């Protein structure tokens, strides 16, 4: 993928959040400033996991209790990540 982002130098921050109604989302922060790359990563994640989600200003949101699958997907793409928060 030619997008001008050096994936080997990234370290994304992955955390699990719950909303007031008990819904769980996975938030991915620490993204590069390349919007096209971020949108592509969000699209690939949603497609691979079969879930909804979105790319907002500076983070990707993935719907559902899928933190293990998200981190597995990042490992597969050889992108470093770190679990933060709860």
PDB file of N, CA and C in Angstrom:
ATOM      1  N   UNK A   1       0.838  -1.185   0.000  1.00  0.00           N
ATOM      2  CA  UNK A   1       0.000   0.000   0.000  1.00  0.00           C
ATOM      3  C   UNK A   1       0.880   1.244   0.000  1.00  0.00           C
ATOM      4  N   UNK A   2       0.840   2.013  -1.055  1.00  0.00           N
ATOM      5  CA  UNK A   2       1.649   3.220  -1.170  1.00  0.00           C
ATOM      6  C   UNK A   2       0.871   4.417  -0.644  1.00  0.00           C
ATOM      7  N   UNK A   3       1.033   4.748   0.618  1.00  0.00           N
ATOM      8  CA  UNK A   3       0.276   5.868   1.176  1.00  0.00           C
ATOM      9  C   UNK A   3       1.173   6.864   1.888  1.00  0.00           C
ATOM     10  N   UNK A   4       2.472   6.659   1.883  1.00  0.00           N
ATOM     11  CA  UNK A   4       3.357   7.610   2.524  1.00  0.00           C
ATOM     12  C   UNK A   4       3.397   7.508   4.038  1.00  0.00           C
ATOM     13  N   UNK A   5       2.921   6.399   4.600  1.00  0.00           N
ATOM     14  CA  UNK A   5       2.957   6.208   6.049  1.00  0.00           C
ATOM     15  C   UNK A   5       3.890   5.042   6.346  1.00  0.00           C
ATOM     16  N   UNK A   6       4.871   5.274   7.215  1.00  0.00           N
ATOM     17  CA  UNK A   6       5.799   4.213   7.612  1.00  0.00           C
ATOM     18  C   UNK A   6       5.179   3.444   8.774  1.00  0.00           C
ATOM     19  N   UNK A   7       4.518   2.331   8.453  1.00  0.00           N
ATOM     20  CA  UNK A   7       3.788   1.562   9.460  1.00  0.00           C
ATOM     21  C   UNK A   7       4.705   0.996  10.536  1.00  0.00           C
ATOM     22  N   UNK A   8       5.988   0.802  10.219  1.00  0.00           N
ATOM     23  CA  UNK A   8       6.900   0.217  11.205  1.00  0.00           C
ATOM     24  C   UNK A   8       7.224   1.202  12.326  1.00  0.00           C
ATOM     25  N   UNK A   9       6.997   2.497  12.106  1.00  0.00           N
ATOM     26  CA  UNK A   9       7.308   3.496  13.136  1.00  0.00           C
ATOM     27  C   UNK A   9       6.089   3.888  13.968  1.00  0.00           C
ATOM     28  N   UNK A  10       4.931   3.327  13.649  1.00  0.00           N
ATOM     29  CA  UNK A  10       3.703   3.671  14.374  1.00  0.00           C
ATOM     30  C   UNK A  10       3.589   2.882  15.670  1.00  0.00           C
ATOM     31  N   UNK A  11       2.937   3.469  16.669  1.00  0.00           N
ATOM     32  CA  UNK A  11       2.488   2.705  17.829  1.00  0.00           C
ATOM     33  C   UNK A  11       1.105   3.239  18.168  1.00  0.00           C
ATOM     34  N   UNK A  12       0.091   2.483  17.781  1.00  0.00           N
ATOM     35  CA  UNK A  12      -1.282   2.909  17.996  1.00  0.00           C
ATOM     36  C   UNK A  12      -1.718   2.588  19.413  1.00  0.00           C
ATOM     37  N   UNK A  13      -2.591   3.414  19.950  1.00  0.00           N
ATOM     38  CA  UNK A  13      -3.124   3.181  21.289  1.00  0.00           C
ATOM     39  C   UNK A  13      -4.544   2.663  21.151  1.00  0.00           C
ATOM     40  N   UNK A  14      -4.775   1.463  21.699  1.00  0.00           N
ATOM     41  CA  UNK A  14      -6.065   0.789  21.570  1.00  0.00           C
ATOM     42  C   UNK A  14      -6.713   0.734  22.944  1.00  0.00           C
ATOM     43  N   UNK A  15      -7.969   1.182  23.036  1.00  0.00           N
ATOM     44  CA  UNK A  15      -8.663   1.062  24.315  1.00  0.00           C
ATOM     45  C   UNK A  15     -10.127   0.744  24.107  1.00  0.00           C
ATOM     46  N   UNK A  16     -10.704   0.108  25.131  1.00  0.00           N
ATOM     47  CA  UNK A  16     -12.092  -0.335  25.102  1.00  0.00           C
ATOM     48  C   UNK A  16     -12.927   0.655  25.904  1.00  0.00           C
ATOM     49  N   UNK A  17     -14.018   1.125  25.314  1.00  0.00           N
ATOM     50  CA  UNK A  17     -14.897   2.080  25.985  1.00  0.00           C
ATOM     51  C   UNK A  17     -16.316   1.536  25.995  1.00  0.00           C
ATOM     52  N   UNK A  18     -17.070   1.884  27.028  1.00  0.00           N
ATOM     53  CA  UNK A  18     -18.493   1.543  27.028  1.00  0.00           C
ATOM     54  C   UNK A  18     -19.290   2.823  27.118  1.00  0.00           C
ATOM     55  N   UNK A  19     -20.382   2.877  26.375  1.00  0.00           N
ATOM     56  CA  UNK A  19     -21.239   4.060  26.422  1.00  0.00           C
ATOM     57  C   UNK A  19     -22.282   3.859  27.512  1.00  0.00           C
ATOM     58  N   UNK A  20     -23.100   4.859  27.734  1.00  0.00           N
ATOM     59  CA  UNK A  20     -24.090   4.803  28.798  1.00  0.00           C
ATOM     60  C   UNK A  20     -25.061   3.649  28.681  1.00  0.00           C
ATOM     61  N   UNK A  21     -25.341   3.208  27.460  1.00  0.00           N
ATOM     62  CA  UNK A  21     -26.314   2.129  27.271  1.00  0.00           C
ATOM     63  C   UNK A  21     -25.665   0.749  27.273  1.00  0.00           C
ATOM     64  N   UNK A  22     -24.412   0.677  27.672  1.00  0.00           N
ATOM     65  CA  UNK A  22     -23.741  -0.611  27.752  1.00  0.00           C
ATOM     66  C   UNK A  22     -23.123  -1.078  26.454  1.00  0.00           C
ATOM     67  N   UNK A  23     -23.159  -0.245  25.434  1.00  0.00           N
ATOM     68  CA  UNK A  23     -22.525  -0.614  24.158  1.00  0.00           C
ATOM     69  C   UNK A  23     -21.018  -0.450  24.293  1.00  0.00           C
ATOM     70  N   UNK A  24     -20.307  -1.345  23.667  1.00  0.00           N
ATOM     71  CA  UNK A  24     -18.849  -1.297  23.724  1.00  0.00           C
ATOM     72  C   UNK A  24     -18.302  -0.831  22.386  1.00  0.00           C
ATOM     73  N   UNK A  25     -17.295   0.050  22.431  1.00  0.00           N
ATOM     74  CA  UNK A  25     -16.572   0.436  21.227  1.00  0.00           C
ATOM     75  C   UNK A  25     -15.084   0.323  21.517  1.00  0.00           C
ATOM     76  N   UNK A  26     -14.329   0.074  20.475  1.00  0.00           N
ATOM     77  CA  UNK A  26     -12.873   0.035  20.576  1.00  0.00           C
ATOM     78  C   UNK A  26     -12.373   1.310  19.907  1.00  0.00           C
ATOM     79  N   UNK A  27     -11.544   2.059  20.629  1.00  0.00           N
ATOM     80  CA  UNK A  27     -11.019   3.322  20.115  1.00  0.00           C
ATOM     81  C   UNK A  27      -9.541   3.150  19.810  1.00  0.00           C
ATOM     82  N   UNK A  28      -9.141   3.572  18.619  1.00  0.00           N
ATOM     83  CA  UNK A  28      -7.738   3.478  18.206  1.00  0.00           C
ATOM     84  C   UNK A  28      -7.230   4.892  17.989  1.00  0.00           C
ATOM     85  N   UNK A  29      -6.221   5.270  18.785  1.00  0.00           N
ATOM     86  CA  UNK A  29      -5.639   6.617  18.687  1.00  0.00           C
ATOM     87  C   UNK A  29      -4.168   6.512  18.321  1.00  0.00           C
ATOM     88  N   UNK A  30      -3.511   7.661  18.233  1.00  0.00           N
ATOM     89  CA  UNK A  30      -2.093   7.689  17.881  1.00  0.00           C
ATOM     90  C   UNK A  30      -1.895   7.492  16.394  1.00  0.00           C
ATOM     91  N   UNK A  31      -2.906   7.860  15.612  1.00  0.00           N
ATOM     92  CA  UNK A  31      -2.852   7.672  14.161  1.00  0.00           C
ATOM     93  C   UNK A  31      -1.983   8.733  13.502  1.00  0.00           C
ATOM     94  N   UNK A  32      -1.418   8.419  12.332  1.00  0.00           N
ATOM     95  CA  UNK A  32      -0.649   9.433  11.601  1.00  0.00           C
ATOM     96  C   UNK A  32      -1.603  10.498  11.036  1.00  0.00           C
ATOM     97  N   UNK A  33      -1.055  11.594  10.551  1.00  0.00           N
ATOM     98  CA  UNK A  33      -1.875  12.684  10.041  1.00  0.00           C
ATOM     99  C   UNK A  33      -2.332  12.475   8.603  1.00  0.00           C
ATOM    100  N   UNK A  34      -2.138  11.279   8.080  1.00  0.00           N
ATOM    101  CA  UNK A  34      -2.540  10.969   6.704  1.00  0.00           C
ATOM    102  C   UNK A  34      -3.981  10.442   6.718  1.00  0.00           C
ATOM    103  N   UNK A  35      -4.936  11.302   6.351  1.00  0.00           N
ATOM    104  CA  UNK A  35      -6.348  10.943   6.455  1.00  0.00           C
ATOM    105  C   UNK A  35      -6.716   9.762   5.557  1.00  0.00           C
ATOM    106  N   UNK A  36      -6.167   9.709   4.356  1.00  0.00           N
ATOM    107  CA  UNK A  36      -6.485   8.617   3.428  1.00  0.00           C
ATOM    108  C   UNK A  36      -6.047   7.277   4.026  1.00  0.00           C
ATOM    109  N   UNK A  37      -4.862   7.235   4.650  1.00  0.00           N
ATOM    110  CA  UNK A  37      -4.365   6.002   5.261  1.00  0.00           C
ATOM    111  C   UNK A  37      -5.269   5.581   6.408  1.00  0.00           C
ATOM    112  N   UNK A  38      -5.683   6.550   7.232  1.00  0.00           N
ATOM    113  CA  UNK A  38      -6.542   6.256   8.384  1.00  0.00           C
ATOM    114  C   UNK A  38      -7.897   5.717   7.934  1.00  0.00           C
ATOM    115  N   UNK A  39      -8.478   6.339   6.904  1.00  0.00           N
ATOM    116  CA  UNK A  39      -9.772   5.871   6.387  1.00  0.00           C
ATOM    117  C   UNK A  39      -9.639   4.465   5.815  1.00  0.00           C
ATOM    118  N   UNK A  40      -8.515   4.209   5.152  1.00  0.00           N
ATOM    119  CA  UNK A  40      -8.278   2.885   4.583  1.00  0.00           C
ATOM    120  C   UNK A  40      -8.144   1.833   5.690  1.00  0.00           C
ATOM    121  N   UNK A  41      -7.415   2.164   6.764  1.00  0.00           N
ATOM    122  CA  UNK A  41      -7.253   1.233   7.885  1.00  0.00           C
ATOM    123  C   UNK A  41      -8.609   0.958   8.537  1.00  0.00           C
ATOM    124  N   UNK A  42      -9.410   2.005   8.733  1.00  0.00           N
ATOM    125  CA  UNK A  42     -10.734   1.827   9.334  1.00  0.00           C
ATOM    126  C   UNK A  42     -11.600   0.928   8.456  1.00  0.00           C
ATOM    127  N   UNK A  43     -11.570   1.154   7.156  1.00  0.00           N
ATOM    128  CA  UNK A  43     -12.367   0.352   6.216  1.00  0.00           C
ATOM    129  C   UNK A  43     -11.920  -1.112   6.252  1.00  0.00           C
ATOM    130  N   UNK A  44     -10.605  -1.343   6.239  1.00  0.00           N
ATOM    131  CA  UNK A  44     -10.079  -2.718   6.275  1.00  0.00           C
ATOM    132  C   UNK A  44     -10.459  -3.423   7.582  1.00  0.00           C
ATOM    133  N   UNK A  45     -10.368  -2.705   8.686  1.00  0.00           N
ATOM    134  CA  UNK A  45     -10.731  -3.282   9.989  1.00  0.00           C
ATOM    135  C   UNK A  45     -12.201  -3.678  10.019  1.00  0.00           C
ATOM    136  N   UNK A  46     -13.062  -2.769   9.593  1.00  0.00           N
ATOM    137  CA  UNK A  46     -14.503  -3.053   9.616  1.00  0.00           C
ATOM    138  C   UNK A  46     -14.843  -4.236   8.718  1.00  0.00           C
ATOM    139  N   UNK A  47     -14.188  -4.298   7.566  1.00  0.00           N
ATOM    140  CA  UNK A  47     -14.451  -5.388   6.614  1.00  0.00           C
ATOM    141  C   UNK A  47     -13.966  -6.727   7.177  1.00  0.00           C
ATOM    142  N   UNK A  48     -12.760  -6.724   7.755  1.00  0.00           N
ATOM    143  CA  UNK A  48     -12.182  -7.960   8.286  1.00  0.00           C
ATOM    144  C   UNK A  48     -12.978  -8.496   9.476  1.00  0.00           C
ATOM    145  N   UNK A  49     -13.501  -7.598  10.309  1.00  0.00           N
ATOM    146  CA  UNK A  49     -14.198  -8.024  11.518  1.00  0.00           C
ATOM    147  C   UNK A  49     -15.705  -8.117  11.335  1.00  0.00           C
ATOM    148  N   UNK A  50     -16.210  -7.596  10.236  1.00  0.00           N
ATOM    149  CA  UNK A  50     -17.648  -7.639   9.987  1.00  0.00           C
ATOM    150  C   UNK A  50     -18.445  -6.793  10.975  1.00  0.00           C
ATOM    151  N   UNK A  51     -17.909  -5.621  11.317  1.00  0.00           N
ATOM    152  CA  UNK A  51     -18.577  -4.742  12.285  1.00  0.00           C
ATOM    153  C   UNK A  51     -18.678  -3.329  11.728  1.00  0.00           C
ATOM    154  N   UNK A  52     -19.432  -2.497  12.434  1.00  0.00           N
ATOM    155  CA  UNK A  52     -19.522  -1.094  12.070  1.00  0.00           C
ATOM    156  C   UNK A  52     -18.416  -0.317  12.740  1.00  0.00           C
ATOM    157  N   UNK A  53     -18.279   0.924  12.330  1.00  0.00           N
ATOM    158  CA  UNK A  53     -17.260   1.778  12.923  1.00  0.00           C
ATOM    159  C   UNK A  53     -17.088   3.011  12.070  1.00  0.00           C
ATOM    160  N   UNK A  54     -16.156   3.865  12.472  1.00  0.00           N
ATOM    161  CA  UNK A  54     -15.934   5.099  11.737  1.00  0.00           C
ATOM    162  C   UNK A  54     -14.550   5.651  12.029  1.00  0.00           C
ATOM    163  N   UNK A  55     -14.097   6.535  11.147  1.00  0.00           N
ATOM    164  CA  UNK A  55     -12.881   7.310  11.394  1.00  0.00           C
ATOM    165  C   UNK A  55     -13.325   8.727  11.667  1.00  0.00           C
ATOM    166  N   UNK A  56     -13.049   9.224  12.874  1.00  0.00           N
ATOM    167  CA  UNK A  56     -13.383  10.600  13.234  1.00  0.00           C
ATOM    168  C   UNK A  56     -12.070  11.354  13.415  1.00  0.00           C
ATOM    169  N   UNK A  57     -12.148  12.666  13.438  1.00  0.00           N
ATOM    170  CA  UNK A  57     -11.008  13.588  13.528  1.00  0.00           C
ATOM    171  C   UNK A  57      -9.639  12.942  13.737  1.00  0.00           C
ATOM    172  N   UNK A  58      -9.403  12.348  14.899  1.00  0.00           N
ATOM    173  CA  UNK A  58      -8.069  11.813  15.174  1.00  0.00           C
ATOM    174  C   UNK A  58      -8.088  10.395  15.715  1.00  0.00           C
ATOM    175  N   UNK A  59      -9.199   9.687  15.542  1.00  0.00           N
ATOM    176  CA  UNK A  59      -9.242   8.305  16.027  1.00  0.00           C
ATOM    177  C   UNK A  59     -10.201   7.459  15.192  1.00  0.00           C
ATOM    178  N   UNK A  60     -10.019   6.135  15.310  1.00  0.00           N
ATOM    179  CA  UNK A  60     -10.910   5.174  14.655  1.00  0.00           C
ATOM    180  C   UNK A  60     -11.748   4.536  15.753  1.00  0.00           C
ATOM    181  N   UNK A  61     -13.030   4.370  15.482  1.00  0.00           N
ATOM    182  CA  UNK A  61     -13.944   3.747  16.435  1.00  0.00           C
ATOM    183  C   UNK A  61     -14.490   2.473  15.787  1.00  0.00           C
ATOM    184  N   UNK A  62     -14.368   1.356  16.493  1.00  0.00           N
ATOM    185  CA  UNK A  62     -14.891   0.076  16.012  1.00  0.00           C
ATOM    186  C   UNK A  62     -15.972  -0.376  16.982  1.00  0.00           C
ATOM    187  N   UNK A  63     -17.133  -0.719  16.474  1.00  0.00           N
ATOM    188  CA  UNK A  63     -18.261  -1.086  17.333  1.00  0.00           C
ATOM    189  C   UNK A  63     -18.164  -2.548  17.753  1.00  0.00           C
ATOM    190  N   UNK A  64     -18.476  -2.809  19.014  1.00  0.00           N
ATOM    191  CA  UNK A  64     -18.538  -4.186  19.502  1.00  0.00           C
ATOM    192  C   UNK A  64     -17.377  -4.556  20.394  1.00  0.00           C
ATOM    193  N   UNK A  65     -17.515  -5.692  21.039  1.00  0.00           N
ATOM    194  CA  UNK A  65     -16.532  -6.229  21.981  1.00  0.00           C
ATOM    195  C   UNK A  65     -15.483  -7.012  21.195  1.00  0.00           C
ATOM    196  N   UNK A  66     -14.645  -6.312  20.448  1.00  0.00           N
ATOM    197  CA  UNK A  66     -13.748  -6.975  19.494  1.00  0.00           C
ATOM    198  C   UNK A  66     -12.285  -6.634  19.717  1.00  0.00           C
ATOM    199  N   UNK A  67     -11.887  -6.298  20.937  1.00  0.00           N
ATOM    200  CA  UNK A  67     -10.522  -5.813  21.134  1.00  0.00           C
ATOM    201  C   UNK A  67      -9.473  -6.850  20.738  1.00  0.00           C
ATOM    202  N   UNK A  68      -9.735  -8.139  21.019  1.00  0.00           N
ATOM    203  CA  UNK A  68      -8.761  -9.171  20.649  1.00  0.00           C
ATOM    204  C   UNK A  68      -8.616  -9.281  19.136  1.00  0.00           C
ATOM    205  N   UNK A  69      -9.733  -9.170  18.423  1.00  0.00           N
ATOM    206  CA  UNK A  69      -9.682  -9.254  16.961  1.00  0.00           C
ATOM    207  C   UNK A  69      -9.019  -8.027  16.358  1.00  0.00           C
ATOM    208  N   UNK A  70      -9.259  -6.856  16.957  1.00  0.00           N
ATOM    209  CA  UNK A  70      -8.625  -5.621  16.476  1.00  0.00           C
ATOM    210  C   UNK A  70      -7.108  -5.720  16.636  1.00  0.00           C
ATOM    211  N   UNK A  71      -6.657  -6.140  17.829  1.00  0.00           N
ATOM    212  CA  UNK A  71      -5.217  -6.240  18.062  1.00  0.00           C
ATOM    213  C   UNK A  71      -4.602  -7.338  17.193  1.00  0.00           C
ATOM    214  N   UNK A  72      -5.335  -8.413  16.962  1.00  0.00           N
ATOM    215  CA  UNK A  72      -4.848  -9.475  16.065  1.00  0.00           C
ATOM    216  C   UNK A  72      -4.685  -8.962  14.645  1.00  0.00           C
ATOM    217  N   UNK A  73      -5.631  -8.137  14.192  1.00  0.00           N
ATOM    218  CA  UNK A  73      -5.566  -7.552  12.855  1.00  0.00           C
ATOM    219  C   UNK A  73      -4.337  -6.637  12.739  1.00  0.00           C
ATOM    220  N   UNK A  74      -4.094  -5.818  13.776  1.00  0.00           N
ATOM    221  CA  UNK A  74      -2.925  -4.929  13.757  1.00  0.00           C
ATOM    222  C   UNK A  74      -1.630  -5.736  13.762  1.00  0.00           C
ATOM    223  N   UNK A  75      -1.597  -6.835  14.545  1.00  0.00           N
ATOM    224  CA  UNK A  75      -0.420  -7.716  14.546  1.00  0.00           C
ATOM    225  C   UNK A  75      -0.179  -8.282  13.162  1.00  0.00           C
ATOM    226  N   UNK A  76      -1.248  -8.716  12.504  1.00  0.00           N
ATOM    227  CA  UNK A  76      -1.147  -9.296  11.166  1.00  0.00           C
ATOM    228  C   UNK A  76      -0.557  -8.284  10.173  1.00  0.00           C
ATOM    229  N   UNK A  77      -0.929  -7.010  10.317  1.00  0.00           N
ATOM    230  CA  UNK A  77      -0.403  -5.954   9.438  1.00  0.00           C
ATOM    231  C   UNK A  77       0.957  -5.442   9.920  1.00  0.00           C
ATOM    232  N   UNK A  78       1.474  -6.035  10.989  1.00  0.00           N
ATOM    233  CA  UNK A  78       2.765  -5.666  11.576  1.00  0.00           C
ATOM    234  C   UNK A  78       2.798  -4.204  12.016  1.00  0.00           C
ATOM    235  N   UNK A  79       1.689  -3.753  12.619  1.00  0.00           N
ATOM    236  CA  UNK A  79       1.593  -2.414  13.182  1.00  0.00           C
ATOM    237  C   UNK A  79       1.635  -2.567  14.700  1.00  0.00           C
ATOM    238  N   UNK A  80       2.568  -1.848  15.348  1.00  0.00           N
ATOM    239  CA  UNK A  80       2.682  -1.942  16.802  1.00  0.00           C
ATOM    240  C   UNK A  80       1.492  -1.253  17.444  1.00  0.00           C
ATOM    241  N   UNK A  81       1.079  -1.769  18.603  1.00  0.00           N
ATOM    242  CA  UNK A  81      -0.035  -1.185  19.343  1.00  0.00           C
ATOM    243  C   UNK A  81       0.209  -1.356  20.833  1.00  0.00           C
ATOM    244  N   UNK A  82      -0.497  -0.578  21.598  1.00  0.00           N
ATOM    245  CA  UNK A  82      -0.375  -0.631  23.050  1.00  0.00           C
ATOM    246  C   UNK A  82      -1.779  -0.471  23.619  1.00  0.00           C
ATOM    247  N   UNK A  83      -2.130  -1.332  24.569  1.00  0.00           N
ATOM    248  CA  UNK A  83      -3.449  -1.245  25.193  1.00  0.00           C
ATOM    249  C   UNK A  83      -3.409  -0.175  26.279  1.00  0.00           C
ATOM    250  N   UNK A  84      -4.382   0.748  26.246  1.00  0.00           N
ATOM    251  CA  UNK A  84      -4.440   1.798  27.252  1.00  0.00           C
ATOM    252  C   UNK A  84      -5.797   1.764  27.938  1.00  0.00           C
ATOM    253  N   UNK A  85      -5.906   2.436  29.058  1.00  0.00           N
ATOM    254  CA  UNK A  85      -7.184   2.538  29.758  1.00  0.00           C
ATOM    255  C   UNK A  85      -7.662   1.198  30.300  1.00  0.00           C
ATOM    256  N   UNK A  86      -8.983   1.058  30.441  1.00  0.00           N
ATOM    257  CA  UNK A  86      -9.574  -0.154  31.012  1.00  0.00           C
ATOM    258  C   UNK A  86      -9.651  -1.194  30.012  1.00  0.00           C
TER     259      UNK A  86
END
